[in-house]
Every structure is written in structure tokens, then in C-alpha cells.
């Protein structure tokens, strides 16, 4: 497997883990009738989503840097993020925010 393929798989894995965790949090939040206002959506977009992206994409970037350096342990690269990494993070944030907003608009009805 080439380095580019491994990096793409790492970022797709981070994206799917972020989406799955958001879906789980949103599902549990929507089952509580008092917690389905627009403030909870903004909390998800402004607080929860960046935190999850920091954790999952941070590990993906660390692992990608370790693979490119050929190290035996997680070693961060001293350089800043590349333009491609910034672009992946920005597109992921906008896409996940839009997906979160669409899921919030089509809420599930709690069982009575």
C-alpha cells in the first residue's frame, strides 16, 4: 500500500468515526423531548463537532506523519499542515455541519 492510499484511508476512517459519533450523540439528544431546540444544534456544530474532529483527525494526522517518517512511535511532524490537509479539514467540517443540520431538521419522533 502506498503512502497516499494509507493517508486517504486514515482520513476516511477519521471522517466515518466522526460521523458515527455525531450520529450517536444526535440520536440520543433527539430522544429527549426537552433537548431538541436550535441551541442544541449550535452546541453540536460549535463545540462537539470541532472537538471530535480534533481527536479523530488529530490521530489520523499523527499516524500519517509517522508513516511518512517511518518512525516506530507516533511522532508529530514539525512542519505546519499542508494546504491539502487544511482543505480536507475544512470540507469535512462544512460537510458534517450540513449533514448535522439536515439530520436535525428531520428529527425522529420519540416513542410515547
PDB file of N, CA and C in Angstrom:
ATOM      1  N   UNK A   1       0.856  -1.173   0.000  1.00  0.00           N
ATOM      2  CA  UNK A   1       0.000   0.000   0.000  1.00  0.00           C
ATOM      3  C   UNK A   1       0.899   1.232   0.000  1.00  0.00           C
ATOM      4  N   UNK A   2       0.572   2.166  -0.855  1.00  0.00           N
ATOM      5  CA  UNK A   2       1.373   3.380  -0.938  1.00  0.00           C
ATOM      6  C   UNK A   2       1.031   4.327   0.203  1.00  0.00           C
ATOM      7  N   UNK A   3       1.865   5.330   0.371  1.00  0.00           N
ATOM      8  CA  UNK A   3       1.656   6.300   1.450  1.00  0.00           C
ATOM      9  C   UNK A   3       0.395   7.118   1.206  1.00  0.00           C
ATOM     10  N   UNK A   4       0.115   7.444  -0.047  1.00  0.00           N
ATOM     11  CA  UNK A   4      -1.077   8.245  -0.360  1.00  0.00           C
ATOM     12  C   UNK A   4      -2.337   7.453  -0.059  1.00  0.00           C
ATOM     13  N   UNK A   5      -2.350   6.169  -0.407  1.00  0.00           N
ATOM     14  CA  UNK A   5      -3.517   5.334  -0.122  1.00  0.00           C
ATOM     15  C   UNK A   5      -3.737   5.189   1.379  1.00  0.00           C
ATOM     16  N   UNK A   6      -2.657   5.039   2.127  1.00  0.00           N
ATOM     17  CA  UNK A   6      -2.780   4.925   3.586  1.00  0.00           C
ATOM     18  C   UNK A   6      -3.311   6.219   4.190  1.00  0.00           C
ATOM     19  N   UNK A   7      -2.845   7.356   3.671  1.00  0.00           N
ATOM     20  CA  UNK A   7      -3.316   8.646   4.174  1.00  0.00           C
ATOM     21  C   UNK A   7      -4.799   8.839   3.865  1.00  0.00           C
ATOM     22  N   UNK A   8      -5.217   8.484   2.658  1.00  0.00           N
ATOM     23  CA  UNK A   8      -6.630   8.606   2.290  1.00  0.00           C
ATOM     24  C   UNK A   8      -7.486   7.713   3.173  1.00  0.00           C
ATOM     25  N   UNK A   9      -7.043   6.486   3.413  1.00  0.00           N
ATOM     26  CA  UNK A   9      -7.803   5.582   4.286  1.00  0.00           C
ATOM     27  C   UNK A   9      -7.869   6.106   5.716  1.00  0.00           C
ATOM     28  N   UNK A  10      -6.786   6.702   6.195  1.00  0.00           N
ATOM     29  CA  UNK A  10      -6.801   7.275   7.544  1.00  0.00           C
ATOM     30  C   UNK A  10      -7.811   8.415   7.648  1.00  0.00           C
ATOM     31  N   UNK A  11      -7.831   9.302   6.645  1.00  0.00           N
ATOM     32  CA  UNK A  11      -8.767  10.425   6.679  1.00  0.00           C
ATOM     33  C   UNK A  11     -10.210   9.958   6.509  1.00  0.00           C
ATOM     34  N   UNK A  12     -10.438   8.958   5.664  1.00  0.00           N
ATOM     35  CA  UNK A  12     -11.791   8.415   5.535  1.00  0.00           C
ATOM     36  C   UNK A  12     -12.234   7.724   6.822  1.00  0.00           C
ATOM     37  N   UNK A  13     -11.298   7.051   7.482  1.00  0.00           N
ATOM     38  CA  UNK A  13     -11.621   6.445   8.772  1.00  0.00           C
ATOM     39  C   UNK A  13     -11.957   7.491   9.825  1.00  0.00           C
ATOM     40  N   UNK A  14     -11.194   8.579   9.852  1.00  0.00           N
ATOM     41  CA  UNK A  14     -11.479   9.655  10.802  1.00  0.00           C
ATOM     42  C   UNK A  14     -12.820  10.306  10.501  1.00  0.00           C
ATOM     43  N   UNK A  15     -13.121  10.469   9.212  1.00  0.00           N
ATOM     44  CA  UNK A  15     -14.406  11.058   8.826  1.00  0.00           C
ATOM     45  C   UNK A  15     -15.563  10.154   9.225  1.00  0.00           C
ATOM     46  N   UNK A  16     -15.433   8.855   9.006  1.00  0.00           N
ATOM     47  CA  UNK A  16     -16.518   7.947   9.366  1.00  0.00           C
ATOM     48  C   UNK A  16     -16.658   7.816  10.890  1.00  0.00           C
ATOM     49  N   UNK A  17     -15.561   7.835  11.613  1.00  0.00           N
ATOM     50  CA  UNK A  17     -15.661   7.805  13.080  1.00  0.00           C
ATOM     51  C   UNK A  17     -16.326   9.075  13.613  1.00  0.00           C
ATOM     52  N   UNK A  18     -15.980  10.217  13.038  1.00  0.00           N
ATOM     53  CA  UNK A  18     -16.603  11.477  13.449  1.00  0.00           C
ATOM     54  C   UNK A  18     -18.089  11.457  13.146  1.00  0.00           C
ATOM     55  N   UNK A  19     -18.457  11.024  11.948  1.00  0.00           N
ATOM     56  CA  UNK A  19     -19.869  10.957  11.570  1.00  0.00           C
ATOM     57  C   UNK A  19     -20.651   9.980  12.426  1.00  0.00           C
ATOM     58  N   UNK A  20     -20.062   8.817  12.708  1.00  0.00           N
ATOM     59  CA  UNK A  20     -20.736   7.836  13.558  1.00  0.00           C
ATOM     60  C   UNK A  20     -20.933   8.330  14.981  1.00  0.00           C
ATOM     61  N   UNK A  21     -19.927   8.991  15.529  1.00  0.00           N
ATOM     62  CA  UNK A  21     -20.045   9.520  16.882  1.00  0.00           C
ATOM     63  C   UNK A  21     -21.072  10.647  16.934  1.00  0.00           C
ATOM     64  N   UNK A  22     -21.062  11.516  15.909  1.00  0.00           N
ATOM     65  CA  UNK A  22     -22.068  12.574  15.852  1.00  0.00           C
ATOM     66  C   UNK A  22     -23.469  12.000  15.736  1.00  0.00           C
ATOM     67  N   UNK A  23     -23.615  10.961  14.908  1.00  0.00           N
ATOM     68  CA  UNK A  23     -24.930  10.347  14.748  1.00  0.00           C
ATOM     69  C   UNK A  23     -25.413   9.774  16.077  1.00  0.00           C
ATOM     70  N   UNK A  24     -24.516   9.126  16.816  1.00  0.00           N
ATOM     71  CA  UNK A  24     -24.891   8.569  18.113  1.00  0.00           C
ATOM     72  C   UNK A  24     -25.298   9.669  19.091  1.00  0.00           C
ATOM     73  N   UNK A  25     -24.513  10.745  19.170  1.00  0.00           N
ATOM     74  CA  UNK A  25     -24.852  11.859  20.060  1.00  0.00           C
ATOM     75  C   UNK A  25     -26.159  12.523  19.645  1.00  0.00           C
ATOM     76  N   UNK A  26     -26.351  12.725  18.347  1.00  0.00           N
ATOM     77  CA  UNK A  26     -27.569  13.376  17.865  1.00  0.00           C
ATOM     78  C   UNK A  26     -28.782  12.499  18.112  1.00  0.00           C
ATOM     79  N   UNK A  27     -28.652  11.199  17.915  1.00  0.00           N
ATOM     80  CA  UNK A  27     -29.765  10.280  18.151  1.00  0.00           C
ATOM     81  C   UNK A  27     -30.176  10.299  19.614  1.00  0.00           C
ATOM     82  N   UNK A  28     -29.199  10.231  20.517  1.00  0.00           N
ATOM     83  CA  UNK A  28     -29.547  10.247  21.936  1.00  0.00           C
ATOM     84  C   UNK A  28     -30.095  11.605  22.349  1.00  0.00           C
ATOM     85  N   UNK A  29     -29.623  12.679  21.724  1.00  0.00           N
ATOM     86  CA  UNK A  29     -30.128  14.006  22.050  1.00  0.00           C
ATOM     87  C   UNK A  29     -31.564  14.190  21.566  1.00  0.00           C
ATOM     88  N   UNK A  30     -31.903  13.607  20.415  1.00  0.00           N
ATOM     89  CA  UNK A  30     -33.248  13.778  19.878  1.00  0.00           C
ATOM     90  C   UNK A  30     -34.290  12.924  20.574  1.00  0.00           C
ATOM     91  N   UNK A  31     -33.870  11.910  21.305  1.00  0.00           N
ATOM     92  CA  UNK A  31     -34.835  11.090  22.027  1.00  0.00           C
ATOM     93  C   UNK A  31     -35.288  11.754  23.318  1.00  0.00           C
ATOM     94  N   UNK A  32     -34.614  12.812  23.724  1.00  0.00           N
ATOM     95  CA  UNK A  32     -35.034  13.570  24.902  1.00  0.00           C
ATOM     96  C   UNK A  32     -35.861  14.758  24.401  1.00  0.00           C
ATOM     97  N   UNK A  33     -37.160  14.808  24.676  1.00  0.00           N
ATOM     98  CA  UNK A  33     -38.014  15.847  24.086  1.00  0.00           C
ATOM     99  C   UNK A  33     -37.618  17.274  24.469  1.00  0.00           C
ATOM    100  N   UNK A  34     -37.058  17.483  25.641  1.00  0.00           N
ATOM    101  CA  UNK A  34     -36.729  18.840  26.070  1.00  0.00           C
ATOM    102  C   UNK A  34     -35.455  19.360  25.407  1.00  0.00           C
ATOM    103  N   UNK A  35     -34.684  18.499  24.769  1.00  0.00           N
ATOM    104  CA  UNK A  35     -33.377  18.885  24.244  1.00  0.00           C
ATOM    105  C   UNK A  35     -33.347  19.035  22.721  1.00  0.00           C
ATOM    106  N   UNK A  36     -34.483  19.268  22.069  1.00  0.00           N
ATOM    107  CA  UNK A  36     -34.498  19.315  20.607  1.00  0.00           C
ATOM    108  C   UNK A  36     -34.665  20.734  20.074  1.00  0.00           C
ATOM    109  N   UNK A  37     -34.180  21.737  20.774  1.00  0.00           N
ATOM    110  CA  UNK A  37     -34.277  23.107  20.280  1.00  0.00           C
ATOM    111  C   UNK A  37     -33.062  23.440  19.421  1.00  0.00           C
ATOM    112  N   UNK A  38     -33.061  24.637  18.853  1.00  0.00           N
ATOM    113  CA  UNK A  38     -31.972  25.017  17.948  1.00  0.00           C
ATOM    114  C   UNK A  38     -30.663  25.272  18.689  1.00  0.00           C
ATOM    115  N   UNK A  39     -30.736  25.551  19.974  1.00  0.00           N
ATOM    116  CA  UNK A  39     -29.499  25.757  20.734  1.00  0.00           C
ATOM    117  C   UNK A  39     -28.660  24.486  20.795  1.00  0.00           C
ATOM    118  N   UNK A  40     -29.324  23.345  20.905  1.00  0.00           N
ATOM    119  CA  UNK A  40     -28.561  22.097  20.950  1.00  0.00           C
ATOM    120  C   UNK A  40     -27.873  21.831  19.619  1.00  0.00           C
ATOM    121  N   UNK A  41     -28.488  22.238  18.505  1.00  0.00           N
ATOM    122  CA  UNK A  41     -27.834  22.100  17.203  1.00  0.00           C
ATOM    123  C   UNK A  41     -26.569  22.945  17.143  1.00  0.00           C
ATOM    124  N   UNK A  42     -26.647  24.177  17.614  1.00  0.00           N
ATOM    125  CA  UNK A  42     -25.471  25.060  17.588  1.00  0.00           C
ATOM    126  C   UNK A  42     -24.381  24.571  18.526  1.00  0.00           C
ATOM    127  N   UNK A  43     -24.763  23.963  19.639  1.00  0.00           N
ATOM    128  CA  UNK A  43     -23.766  23.375  20.536  1.00  0.00           C
ATOM    129  C   UNK A  43     -23.047  22.226  19.827  1.00  0.00           C
ATOM    130  N   UNK A  44     -23.810  21.418  19.085  1.00  0.00           N
ATOM    131  CA  UNK A  44     -23.188  20.335  18.328  1.00  0.00           C
ATOM    132  C   UNK A  44     -22.224  20.875  17.282  1.00  0.00           C
ATOM    133  N   UNK A  45     -22.634  21.920  16.538  1.00  0.00           N
ATOM    134  CA  UNK A  45     -21.814  22.442  15.448  1.00  0.00           C
ATOM    135  C   UNK A  45     -20.603  23.200  15.969  1.00  0.00           C
ATOM    136  N   UNK A  46     -20.754  23.958  17.052  1.00  0.00           N
ATOM    137  CA  UNK A  46     -19.671  24.820  17.519  1.00  0.00           C
ATOM    138  C   UNK A  46     -18.760  24.140  18.541  1.00  0.00           C
ATOM    139  N   UNK A  47     -19.287  23.207  19.334  1.00  0.00           N
ATOM    140  CA  UNK A  47     -18.488  22.603  20.406  1.00  0.00           C
ATOM    141  C   UNK A  47     -18.152  21.137  20.121  1.00  0.00           C
ATOM    142  N   UNK A  48     -19.157  20.325  19.880  1.00  0.00           N
ATOM    143  CA  UNK A  48     -18.948  18.883  19.786  1.00  0.00           C
ATOM    144  C   UNK A  48     -18.207  18.504  18.509  1.00  0.00           C
ATOM    145  N   UNK A  49     -18.639  19.039  17.366  1.00  0.00           N
ATOM    146  CA  UNK A  49     -18.016  18.688  16.092  1.00  0.00           C
ATOM    147  C   UNK A  49     -16.528  19.056  16.036  1.00  0.00           C
ATOM    148  N   UNK A  50     -16.117  20.280  16.413  1.00  0.00           N
ATOM    149  CA  UNK A  50     -14.669  20.556  16.397  1.00  0.00           C
ATOM    150  C   UNK A  50     -13.881  19.691  17.372  1.00  0.00           C
ATOM    151  N   UNK A  51     -14.470  19.372  18.529  1.00  0.00           N
ATOM    152  CA  UNK A  51     -13.778  18.517  19.487  1.00  0.00           C
ATOM    153  C   UNK A  51     -13.559  17.120  18.915  1.00  0.00           C
ATOM    154  N   UNK A  52     -14.596  16.546  18.311  1.00  0.00           N
ATOM    155  CA  UNK A  52     -14.460  15.219  17.713  1.00  0.00           C
ATOM    156  C   UNK A  52     -13.469  15.229  16.553  1.00  0.00           C
ATOM    157  N   UNK A  53     -13.516  16.293  15.742  1.00  0.00           N
ATOM    158  CA  UNK A  53     -12.577  16.389  14.627  1.00  0.00           C
ATOM    159  C   UNK A  53     -11.152  16.543  15.139  1.00  0.00           C
ATOM    160  N   UNK A  54     -10.969  17.264  16.221  1.00  0.00           N
ATOM    161  CA  UNK A  54      -9.633  17.411  16.801  1.00  0.00           C
ATOM    162  C   UNK A  54      -9.089  16.061  17.239  1.00  0.00           C
ATOM    163  N   UNK A  55      -9.916  15.257  17.874  1.00  0.00           N
ATOM    164  CA  UNK A  55      -9.472  13.955  18.353  1.00  0.00           C
ATOM    165  C   UNK A  55      -9.202  13.010  17.178  1.00  0.00           C
ATOM    166  N   UNK A  56     -10.215  12.776  16.334  1.00  0.00           N
ATOM    167  CA  UNK A  56     -10.086  11.757  15.288  1.00  0.00           C
ATOM    168  C   UNK A  56      -9.120  12.183  14.184  1.00  0.00           C
ATOM    169  N   UNK A  57      -9.253  13.409  13.677  1.00  0.00           N
ATOM    170  CA  UNK A  57      -8.355  13.845  12.620  1.00  0.00           C
ATOM    171  C   UNK A  57      -6.953  14.112  13.163  1.00  0.00           C
ATOM    172  N   UNK A  58      -6.837  14.482  14.430  1.00  0.00           N
ATOM    173  CA  UNK A  58      -5.524  14.656  15.032  1.00  0.00           C
ATOM    174  C   UNK A  58      -4.750  13.350  15.060  1.00  0.00           C
ATOM    175  N   UNK A  59      -5.442  12.273  15.458  1.00  0.00           N
ATOM    176  CA  UNK A  59      -4.782  10.972  15.430  1.00  0.00           C
ATOM    177  C   UNK A  59      -4.456  10.544  14.007  1.00  0.00           C
ATOM    178  N   UNK A  60      -5.344  10.833  13.059  1.00  0.00           N
ATOM    179  CA  UNK A  60      -5.079  10.472  11.659  1.00  0.00           C
ATOM    180  C   UNK A  60      -3.855  11.218  11.130  1.00  0.00           C
ATOM    181  N   UNK A  61      -3.728  12.492  11.466  1.00  0.00           N
ATOM    182  CA  UNK A  61      -2.567  13.270  11.010  1.00  0.00           C
ATOM    183  C   UNK A  61      -1.292  12.777  11.680  1.00  0.00           C
ATOM    184  N   UNK A  62      -1.364  12.448  12.986  1.00  0.00           N
ATOM    185  CA  UNK A  62      -0.193  11.902  13.680  1.00  0.00           C
ATOM    186  C   UNK A  62       0.253  10.577  13.070  1.00  0.00           C
ATOM    187  N   UNK A  63      -0.704   9.702  12.790  1.00  0.00           N
ATOM    188  CA  UNK A  63      -0.364   8.410  12.202  1.00  0.00           C
ATOM    189  C   UNK A  63       0.188   8.593  10.797  1.00  0.00           C
ATOM    190  N   UNK A  64      -0.396   9.518  10.038  1.00  0.00           N
ATOM    191  CA  UNK A  64       0.099   9.788   8.687  1.00  0.00           C
ATOM    192  C   UNK A  64       1.529  10.325   8.717  1.00  0.00           C
ATOM    193  N   UNK A  65       1.820  11.219   9.652  1.00  0.00           N
ATOM    194  CA  UNK A  65       3.190  11.738   9.785  1.00  0.00           C
ATOM    195  C   UNK A  65       4.167  10.637  10.191  1.00  0.00           C
ATOM    196  N   UNK A  66       3.729   9.738  11.062  1.00  0.00           N
ATOM    197  CA  UNK A  66       4.584   8.633  11.476  1.00  0.00           C
ATOM    198  C   UNK A  66       4.859   7.692  10.317  1.00  0.00           C
ATOM    199  N   UNK A  67       3.850   7.436   9.487  1.00  0.00           N
ATOM    200  CA  UNK A  67       4.053   6.576   8.325  1.00  0.00           C
ATOM    201  C   UNK A  67       5.017   7.226   7.346  1.00  0.00           C
ATOM    202  N   UNK A  68       4.862   8.532   7.126  1.00  0.00           N
ATOM    203  CA  UNK A  68       5.744   9.196   6.163  1.00  0.00           C
ATOM    204  C   UNK A  68       7.184   9.283   6.673  1.00  0.00           C
ATOM    205  N   UNK A  69       7.365   9.389   7.978  1.00  0.00           N
ATOM    206  CA  UNK A  69       8.717   9.437   8.540  1.00  0.00           C
ATOM    207  C   UNK A  69       9.315   8.051   8.738  1.00  0.00           C
ATOM    208  N   UNK A  70       8.479   7.033   8.770  1.00  0.00           N
ATOM    209  CA  UNK A  70       8.963   5.675   9.005  1.00  0.00           C
ATOM    210  C   UNK A  70       9.332   5.427  10.446  1.00  0.00           C
ATOM    211  N   UNK A  71       8.718   6.161  11.365  1.00  0.00           N
ATOM    212  CA  UNK A  71       9.033   6.016  12.783  1.00  0.00           C
ATOM    213  C   UNK A  71       8.341   4.821  13.407  1.00  0.00           C
ATOM    214  N   UNK A  72       8.818   4.462  14.588  1.00  0.00           N
ATOM    215  CA  UNK A  72       8.235   3.328  15.307  1.00  0.00           C
ATOM    216  C   UNK A  72       7.142   3.768  16.279  1.00  0.00           C
ATOM    217  N   UNK A  73       7.047   5.056  16.550  1.00  0.00           N
ATOM    218  CA  UNK A  73       6.071   5.574  17.505  1.00  0.00           C
ATOM    219  C   UNK A  73       5.465   6.835  16.921  1.00  0.00           C
ATOM    220  N   UNK A  74       4.336   7.280  17.470  1.00  0.00           N
ATOM    221  CA  UNK A  74       3.678   8.474  16.953  1.00  0.00           C
ATOM    222  C   UNK A  74       4.583   9.690  17.129  1.00  0.00           C
ATOM    223  N   UNK A  75       4.999  10.254  16.033  1.00  0.00           N
ATOM    224  CA  UNK A  75       5.860  11.435  16.069  1.00  0.00           C
ATOM    225  C   UNK A  75       5.235  12.526  15.214  1.00  0.00           C
ATOM    226  N   UNK A  76       4.906  13.655  15.814  1.00  0.00           N
ATOM    227  CA  UNK A  76       4.332  14.740  15.017  1.00  0.00           C
ATOM    228  C   UNK A  76       5.377  15.374  14.118  1.00  0.00           C
ATOM    229  N   UNK A  77       4.944  15.792  12.955  1.00  0.00           N
ATOM    230  CA  UNK A  77       5.821  16.487  12.026  1.00  0.00           C
ATOM    231  C   UNK A  77       5.956  17.933  12.514  1.00  0.00           C
ATOM    232  N   UNK A  78       7.144  18.477  12.460  1.00  0.00           N
ATOM    233  CA  UNK A  78       7.369  19.831  12.954  1.00  0.00           C
ATOM    234  C   UNK A  78       6.801  20.896  12.015  1.00  0.00           C
ATOM    235  N   UNK A  79       6.548  20.527  10.782  1.00  0.00           N
ATOM    236  CA  UNK A  79       6.001  21.491   9.824  1.00  0.00           C
ATOM    237  C   UNK A  79       4.522  21.722  10.096  1.00  0.00           C
ATOM    238  N   UNK A  80       4.018  22.827   9.555  1.00  0.00           N
ATOM    239  CA  UNK A  80       2.594  23.096   9.669  1.00  0.00           C
ATOM    240  C   UNK A  80       1.824  22.164   8.747  1.00  0.00           C
ATOM    241  N   UNK A  81       0.497  22.188   8.877  1.00  0.00           N
ATOM    242  CA  UNK A  81      -0.325  21.382   7.990  1.00  0.00           C
ATOM    243  C   UNK A  81      -0.187  21.885   6.562  1.00  0.00           C
ATOM    244  N   UNK A  82      -0.289  20.970   5.631  1.00  0.00           N
ATOM    245  CA  UNK A  82      -0.229  21.361   4.231  1.00  0.00           C
ATOM    246  C   UNK A  82      -1.576  21.915   3.803  1.00  0.00           C
ATOM    247  N   UNK A  83      -1.595  22.520   2.621  1.00  0.00           N
ATOM    248  CA  UNK A  83      -2.847  23.068   2.101  1.00  0.00           C
ATOM    249  C   UNK A  83      -3.880  21.966   1.901  1.00  0.00           C
ATOM    250  N   UNK A  84      -3.441  20.798   1.457  1.00  0.00           N
ATOM    251  CA  UNK A  84      -4.365  19.677   1.242  1.00  0.00           C
ATOM    252  C   UNK A  84      -4.998  19.230   2.559  1.00  0.00           C
ATOM    253  N   UNK A  85      -4.209  19.211   3.636  1.00  0.00           N
ATOM    254  CA  UNK A  85      -4.773  18.821   4.932  1.00  0.00           C
ATOM    255  C   UNK A  85      -5.760  19.863   5.445  1.00  0.00           C
ATOM    256  N   UNK A  86      -5.439  21.154   5.258  1.00  0.00           N
ATOM    257  CA  UNK A  86      -6.397  22.196   5.622  1.00  0.00           C
ATOM    258  C   UNK A  86      -7.681  22.059   4.810  1.00  0.00           C
ATOM    259  N   UNK A  87      -7.539  21.743   3.535  1.00  0.00           N
ATOM    260  CA  UNK A  87      -8.706  21.602   2.668  1.00  0.00           C
ATOM    261  C   UNK A  87      -9.564  20.412   3.093  1.00  0.00           C
ATOM    262  N   UNK A  88      -8.936  19.303   3.434  1.00  0.00           N
ATOM    263  CA  UNK A  88      -9.677  18.124   3.906  1.00  0.00           C
ATOM    264  C   UNK A  88     -10.433  18.461   5.189  1.00  0.00           C
ATOM    265  N   UNK A  89      -9.789  19.150   6.102  1.00  0.00           N
ATOM    266  CA  UNK A  89     -10.447  19.501   7.365  1.00  0.00           C
ATOM    267  C   UNK A  89     -11.591  20.487   7.159  1.00  0.00           C
ATOM    268  N   UNK A  90     -11.399  21.479   6.295  1.00  0.00           N
ATOM    269  CA  UNK A  90     -12.456  22.473   6.055  1.00  0.00           C
ATOM    270  C   UNK A  90     -13.660  21.843   5.357  1.00  0.00           C
ATOM    271  N   UNK A  91     -13.405  21.036   4.346  1.00  0.00           N
ATOM    272  CA  UNK A  91     -14.516  20.385   3.634  1.00  0.00           C
ATOM    273  C   UNK A  91     -15.239  19.409   4.558  1.00  0.00           C
ATOM    274  N   UNK A  92     -14.493  18.697   5.385  1.00  0.00           N
ATOM    275  CA  UNK A  92     -15.119  17.767   6.339  1.00  0.00           C
ATOM    276  C   UNK A  92     -15.986  18.523   7.344  1.00  0.00           C
ATOM    277  N   UNK A  93     -15.491  19.654   7.850  1.00  0.00           N
ATOM    278  CA  UNK A  93     -16.262  20.428   8.823  1.00  0.00           C
ATOM    279  C   UNK A  93     -17.550  20.967   8.208  1.00  0.00           C
ATOM    280  N   UNK A  94     -17.453  21.524   7.016  1.00  0.00           N
ATOM    281  CA  UNK A  94     -18.644  22.068   6.359  1.00  0.00           C
ATOM    282  C   UNK A  94     -19.611  20.949   6.011  1.00  0.00           C
ATOM    283  N   UNK A  95     -19.098  19.848   5.488  1.00  0.00           N
ATOM    284  CA  UNK A  95     -19.963  18.727   5.130  1.00  0.00           C
ATOM    285  C   UNK A  95     -20.651  18.113   6.335  1.00  0.00           C
ATOM    286  N   UNK A  96     -19.910  17.903   7.414  1.00  0.00           N
ATOM    287  CA  UNK A  96     -20.518  17.332   8.619  1.00  0.00           C
ATOM    288  C   UNK A  96     -21.494  18.312   9.275  1.00  0.00           C
ATOM    289  N   UNK A  97     -21.228  19.605   9.201  1.00  0.00           N
ATOM    290  CA  UNK A  97     -22.176  20.589   9.739  1.00  0.00           C
ATOM    291  C   UNK A  97     -23.476  20.573   8.944  1.00  0.00           C
ATOM    292  N   UNK A  98     -23.371  20.503   7.626  1.00  0.00           N
ATOM    293  CA  UNK A  98     -24.572  20.416   6.797  1.00  0.00           C
ATOM    294  C   UNK A  98     -25.342  19.141   7.044  1.00  0.00           C
ATOM    295  N   UNK A  99     -24.627  18.021   7.174  1.00  0.00           N
ATOM    296  CA  UNK A  99     -25.283  16.749   7.457  1.00  0.00           C
ATOM    297  C   UNK A  99     -25.972  16.796   8.817  1.00  0.00           C
ATOM    298  N   UNK A 100     -25.336  17.420   9.796  1.00  0.00           N
ATOM    299  CA  UNK A 100     -25.911  17.548  11.129  1.00  0.00           C
ATOM    300  C   UNK A 100     -27.167  18.403  11.091  1.00  0.00           C
ATOM    301  N   UNK A 101     -27.127  19.486  10.322  1.00  0.00           N
ATOM    302  CA  UNK A 101     -28.292  20.356  10.201  1.00  0.00           C
ATOM    303  C   UNK A 101     -29.449  19.622   9.522  1.00  0.00           C
ATOM    304  N   UNK A 102     -29.170  18.848   8.468  1.00  0.00           N
ATOM    305  CA  UNK A 102     -30.224  18.099   7.802  1.00  0.00           C
ATOM    306  C   UNK A 102     -30.818  17.036   8.713  1.00  0.00           C
ATOM    307  N   UNK A 103     -29.976  16.360   9.489  1.00  0.00           N
ATOM    308  CA  UNK A 103     -30.491  15.358  10.428  1.00  0.00           C
ATOM    309  C   UNK A 103     -31.304  16.023  11.539  1.00  0.00           C
ATOM    310  N   UNK A 104     -30.914  17.219  11.939  1.00  0.00           N
ATOM    311  CA  UNK A 104     -31.658  17.912  12.990  1.00  0.00           C
ATOM    312  C   UNK A 104     -33.017  18.361  12.462  1.00  0.00           C
ATOM    313  N   UNK A 105     -33.097  18.764  11.204  1.00  0.00           N
ATOM    314  CA  UNK A 105     -34.374  19.196  10.630  1.00  0.00           C
ATOM    315  C   UNK A 105     -35.351  18.038  10.501  1.00  0.00           C
ATOM    316  N   UNK A 106     -34.867  16.838  10.243  1.00  0.00           N
ATOM    317  CA  UNK A 106     -35.715  15.654  10.110  1.00  0.00           C
ATOM    318  C   UNK A 106     -35.597  14.805  11.369  1.00  0.00           C
ATOM    319  N   UNK A 107     -36.083  15.356  12.443  1.00  0.00           N
ATOM    320  CA  UNK A 107     -35.945  14.701  13.748  1.00  0.00           C
ATOM    321  C   UNK A 107     -36.745  13.414  13.803  1.00  0.00           C
ATOM    322  N   UNK A 108     -36.313  12.541  14.679  1.00  0.00           N
ATOM    323  CA  UNK A 108     -37.094  11.336  14.934  1.00  0.00           C
ATOM    324  C   UNK A 108     -38.116  11.667  16.013  1.00  0.00           C
ATOM    325  N   UNK A 109     -39.247  11.011  15.938  1.00  0.00           N
ATOM    326  CA  UNK A 109     -40.291  11.245  16.940  1.00  0.00           C
ATOM    327  C   UNK A 109     -40.046  10.319  18.121  1.00  0.00           C
ATOM    328  N   UNK A 110     -40.028  10.853  19.337  1.00  0.00           N
ATOM    329  CA  UNK A 110     -39.844   9.977  20.499  1.00  0.00           C
ATOM    330  C   UNK A 110     -41.081   9.104  20.714  1.00  0.00           C
ATOM    331  N   UNK A 111     -40.850   7.890  21.165  1.00  0.00           N
ATOM    332  CA  UNK A 111     -41.964   6.977  21.464  1.00  0.00           C
ATOM    333  C   UNK A 111     -42.730   7.464  22.687  1.00  0.00           C
ATOM    334  N   UNK A 112     -44.025   7.330  22.597  1.00  0.00           N
ATOM    335  CA  UNK A 112     -44.860   7.773  23.734  1.00  0.00           C
ATOM    336  C   UNK A 112     -45.476   6.614  24.425  1.00  0.00           C
TER     337      UNK A 112
END
